[in-house]
Amino acid sequence: MTIEQDIRSNPPCQPRACAIQGCLTRNGFDEGKCTKFVDSLYECCQAFYANNGDHARSASCPKADLLRLRIEQRREPK
């Protein structure tokens, strides 16, 4: 699916959130093996908020301010 399709899903970005759950299940809940899926969800959520404003809600996305914080934290070296 494209990002546009995922934004229009109900709830928005749910296919990408489900992909994270599937990856975690397959990999013994090792988030390190699922980073591309987390990045993909965050990309979708960013587009969702860009289209709908920071006060929009999706059960699949963290609130806009928390999303930005998580993205920033992922960029920091560990």
N, C-alpha and C. Protein backbone atom coordinates (compact mmCIF):
# COMPACT_ATOMS: atom_id res chain seq x y z
N MET A 1 0.84 -1.19 0.00
CA MET A 1 0.00 0.00 0.00
C MET A 1 0.87 1.24 0.00
N THR A 2 0.32 2.30 -0.54
CA THR A 2 1.05 3.57 -0.53
C THR A 2 0.75 4.33 0.75
N ILE A 3 1.52 5.35 1.00
CA ILE A 3 1.29 6.16 2.21
C ILE A 3 -0.09 6.81 2.15
N GLU A 4 -0.52 7.23 0.95
CA GLU A 4 -1.84 7.84 0.80
C GLU A 4 -2.94 6.86 1.18
N GLN A 5 -2.80 5.61 0.77
CA GLN A 5 -3.78 4.58 1.12
C GLN A 5 -3.76 4.31 2.63
N ASP A 6 -2.57 4.26 3.20
CA ASP A 6 -2.46 3.99 4.63
C ASP A 6 -3.05 5.13 5.47
N ILE A 7 -2.90 6.36 5.00
CA ILE A 7 -3.49 7.50 5.71
C ILE A 7 -5.01 7.42 5.68
N ARG A 8 -5.57 6.91 4.58
CA ARG A 8 -7.02 6.81 4.43
C ARG A 8 -7.60 5.55 5.07
N SER A 9 -6.76 4.66 5.58
CA SER A 9 -7.27 3.45 6.23
C SER A 9 -8.02 3.85 7.50
N ASN A 10 -8.76 2.92 8.06
CA ASN A 10 -9.52 3.22 9.26
C ASN A 10 -9.11 2.26 10.37
N PRO A 11 -8.42 2.71 11.41
CA PRO A 11 -7.92 4.06 11.61
C PRO A 11 -6.70 4.35 10.74
N PRO A 12 -6.41 5.63 10.55
CA PRO A 12 -5.26 6.00 9.72
C PRO A 12 -3.97 5.32 10.20
N CYS A 13 -3.21 4.83 9.26
CA CYS A 13 -1.89 4.21 9.47
C CYS A 13 -1.97 2.83 10.12
N GLN A 14 -3.14 2.26 10.26
CA GLN A 14 -3.27 0.96 10.90
C GLN A 14 -2.49 -0.15 10.20
N PRO A 15 -2.45 -0.20 8.86
CA PRO A 15 -1.67 -1.28 8.24
C PRO A 15 -0.19 -1.27 8.67
N ARG A 16 0.34 -0.09 8.87
CA ARG A 16 1.75 0.00 9.28
C ARG A 16 1.93 -0.38 10.74
N ALA A 17 0.97 -0.04 11.58
CA ALA A 17 1.03 -0.46 12.98
C ALA A 17 0.93 -1.99 13.09
N CYS A 18 0.06 -2.57 12.27
CA CYS A 18 -0.09 -4.03 12.27
C CYS A 18 1.20 -4.71 11.78
N ALA A 19 1.89 -4.08 10.84
CA ALA A 19 3.15 -4.64 10.34
C ALA A 19 4.19 -4.69 11.46
N ILE A 20 4.18 -3.69 12.33
CA ILE A 20 5.11 -3.70 13.49
C ILE A 20 4.79 -4.89 14.38
N GLN A 21 3.51 -5.08 14.69
CA GLN A 21 3.12 -6.18 15.56
C GLN A 21 3.52 -7.53 14.96
N GLY A 22 3.32 -7.68 13.67
CA GLY A 22 3.71 -8.92 13.01
C GLY A 22 5.20 -9.15 13.09
N CYS A 23 5.97 -8.10 12.85
CA CYS A 23 7.43 -8.21 12.92
C CYS A 23 7.88 -8.57 14.33
N LEU A 24 7.31 -7.91 15.32
CA LEU A 24 7.69 -8.20 16.71
C LEU A 24 7.37 -9.64 17.08
N THR A 25 6.22 -10.10 16.66
CA THR A 25 5.83 -11.49 16.95
C THR A 25 6.80 -12.48 16.31
N ARG A 26 7.15 -12.22 15.05
CA ARG A 26 8.07 -13.12 14.34
C ARG A 26 9.48 -13.10 14.91
N ASN A 27 9.84 -12.01 15.58
CA ASN A 27 11.21 -11.84 16.04
C ASN A 27 11.35 -11.80 17.56
N GLY A 28 10.44 -12.48 18.24
CA GLY A 28 10.56 -12.58 19.69
C GLY A 28 10.51 -11.24 20.40
N PHE A 29 9.77 -10.30 19.85
CA PHE A 29 9.59 -8.97 20.41
C PHE A 29 10.89 -8.19 20.55
N ASP A 30 11.81 -8.44 19.62
CA ASP A 30 13.08 -7.70 19.54
C ASP A 30 12.86 -6.50 18.63
N GLU A 31 12.62 -5.34 19.23
CA GLU A 31 12.31 -4.13 18.45
C GLU A 31 13.45 -3.77 17.50
N GLY A 32 14.66 -4.09 17.86
CA GLY A 32 15.81 -3.79 17.01
C GLY A 32 15.71 -4.42 15.63
N LYS A 33 14.97 -5.52 15.53
CA LYS A 33 14.80 -6.19 14.24
C LYS A 33 13.62 -5.62 13.45
N CYS A 34 12.91 -4.65 14.01
CA CYS A 34 11.71 -4.13 13.38
C CYS A 34 11.77 -2.62 13.15
N THR A 35 12.96 -2.06 13.17
CA THR A 35 13.07 -0.59 13.08
C THR A 35 12.50 -0.04 11.78
N LYS A 36 12.65 -0.78 10.68
CA LYS A 36 12.12 -0.25 9.41
C LYS A 36 10.60 -0.14 9.46
N PHE A 37 9.94 -1.02 10.23
CA PHE A 37 8.49 -0.96 10.36
C PHE A 37 8.08 0.21 11.25
N VAL A 38 8.83 0.46 12.30
CA VAL A 38 8.56 1.60 13.17
C VAL A 38 8.76 2.89 12.39
N ASP A 39 9.86 2.97 11.63
CA ASP A 39 10.11 4.16 10.81
C ASP A 39 8.98 4.37 9.81
N SER A 40 8.47 3.30 9.24
CA SER A 40 7.39 3.38 8.27
C SER A 40 6.11 3.91 8.92
N LEU A 41 5.80 3.44 10.13
CA LEU A 41 4.62 3.95 10.84
C LEU A 41 4.80 5.43 11.13
N TYR A 42 5.97 5.82 11.62
CA TYR A 42 6.19 7.23 11.94
C TYR A 42 6.09 8.10 10.69
N GLU A 43 6.56 7.60 9.56
CA GLU A 43 6.42 8.33 8.30
C GLU A 43 4.94 8.55 7.97
N CYS A 44 4.14 7.50 8.13
CA CYS A 44 2.71 7.60 7.87
C CYS A 44 2.06 8.59 8.83
N CYS A 45 2.40 8.50 10.09
CA CYS A 45 1.81 9.39 11.09
C CYS A 45 2.19 10.85 10.83
N GLN A 46 3.42 11.09 10.43
CA GLN A 46 3.83 12.46 10.08
C GLN A 46 2.96 12.99 8.94
N ALA A 47 2.75 12.19 7.93
CA ALA A 47 1.92 12.60 6.79
C ALA A 47 0.47 12.80 7.24
N PHE A 48 -0.02 11.93 8.12
CA PHE A 48 -1.38 12.07 8.65
C PHE A 48 -1.55 13.41 9.34
N TYR A 49 -0.60 13.77 10.22
CA TYR A 49 -0.69 15.05 10.92
C TYR A 49 -0.49 16.24 9.98
N ALA A 50 0.37 16.08 8.99
CA ALA A 50 0.57 17.17 8.01
C ALA A 50 -0.73 17.45 7.26
N ASN A 51 -1.48 16.40 6.97
CA ASN A 51 -2.74 16.55 6.23
C ASN A 51 -3.90 17.01 7.11
N ASN A 52 -3.88 16.62 8.39
CA ASN A 52 -5.05 16.82 9.24
C ASN A 52 -4.83 17.73 10.44
N GLY A 53 -3.61 18.16 10.65
CA GLY A 53 -3.31 19.02 11.80
C GLY A 53 -2.91 18.22 13.02
N ASP A 54 -2.22 18.88 13.94
CA ASP A 54 -1.68 18.22 15.13
C ASP A 54 -2.76 17.72 16.09
N HIS A 55 -3.98 18.21 15.96
CA HIS A 55 -5.03 17.80 16.89
C HIS A 55 -5.85 16.62 16.37
N ALA A 56 -5.53 16.15 15.17
CA ALA A 56 -6.20 14.97 14.63
C ALA A 56 -5.84 13.76 15.48
N ARG A 57 -6.67 12.72 15.43
CA ARG A 57 -6.42 11.52 16.24
C ARG A 57 -6.48 10.26 15.38
N SER A 58 -5.58 9.37 15.65
CA SER A 58 -5.58 8.04 15.06
C SER A 58 -5.11 7.07 16.14
N ALA A 59 -5.84 5.99 16.31
CA ALA A 59 -5.47 4.99 17.31
C ALA A 59 -4.11 4.37 17.00
N SER A 60 -3.67 4.48 15.76
CA SER A 60 -2.40 3.87 15.35
C SER A 60 -1.20 4.78 15.52
N CYS A 61 -1.45 6.07 15.77
CA CYS A 61 -0.36 7.05 15.84
C CYS A 61 -0.25 7.66 17.23
N PRO A 62 0.99 7.87 17.69
CA PRO A 62 1.14 8.65 18.92
C PRO A 62 0.70 10.09 18.65
N LYS A 63 0.34 10.83 19.69
CA LYS A 63 -0.02 12.23 19.51
C LYS A 63 1.13 12.94 18.82
N ALA A 64 0.81 14.01 18.09
CA ALA A 64 1.79 14.69 17.23
C ALA A 64 3.05 15.11 17.97
N ASP A 65 2.91 15.69 19.16
CA ASP A 65 4.10 16.14 19.89
C ASP A 65 4.95 14.96 20.35
N LEU A 66 4.30 13.88 20.76
CA LEU A 66 5.03 12.68 21.17
C LEU A 66 5.70 12.02 19.96
N LEU A 67 5.02 12.02 18.83
CA LEU A 67 5.61 11.48 17.60
C LEU A 67 6.90 12.21 17.26
N ARG A 68 6.86 13.54 17.29
CA ARG A 68 8.08 14.32 16.97
C ARG A 68 9.20 14.00 17.97
N LEU A 69 8.87 13.86 19.23
CA LEU A 69 9.87 13.51 20.24
C LEU A 69 10.47 12.14 19.96
N ARG A 70 9.64 11.16 19.65
CA ARG A 70 10.14 9.81 19.37
C ARG A 70 11.03 9.80 18.13
N ILE A 71 10.64 10.55 17.11
CA ILE A 71 11.47 10.61 15.90
C ILE A 71 12.82 11.23 16.23
N GLU A 72 12.82 12.28 17.02
CA GLU A 72 14.07 12.92 17.41
C GLU A 72 14.94 11.97 18.24
N GLN A 73 14.34 11.24 19.14
CA GLN A 73 15.08 10.29 19.96
C GLN A 73 15.70 9.18 19.12
N ARG A 74 15.00 8.76 18.07
CA ARG A 74 15.52 7.71 17.20
C ARG A 74 16.73 8.20 16.40
N ARG A 75 16.82 9.50 16.18
CA ARG A 75 17.95 10.06 15.43
C ARG A 75 19.20 10.21 16.28
N GLU A 76 19.02 10.26 17.59
CA GLU A 76 20.16 10.45 18.50
C GLU A 76 21.02 9.19 18.52
N PRO A 77 22.33 9.37 18.53
CA PRO A 77 23.20 8.20 18.65
C PRO A 77 23.01 7.54 20.01
N LYS A 78 23.13 6.23 20.01
CA LYS A 78 22.94 5.49 21.29
C LYS A 78 24.24 5.15 21.92
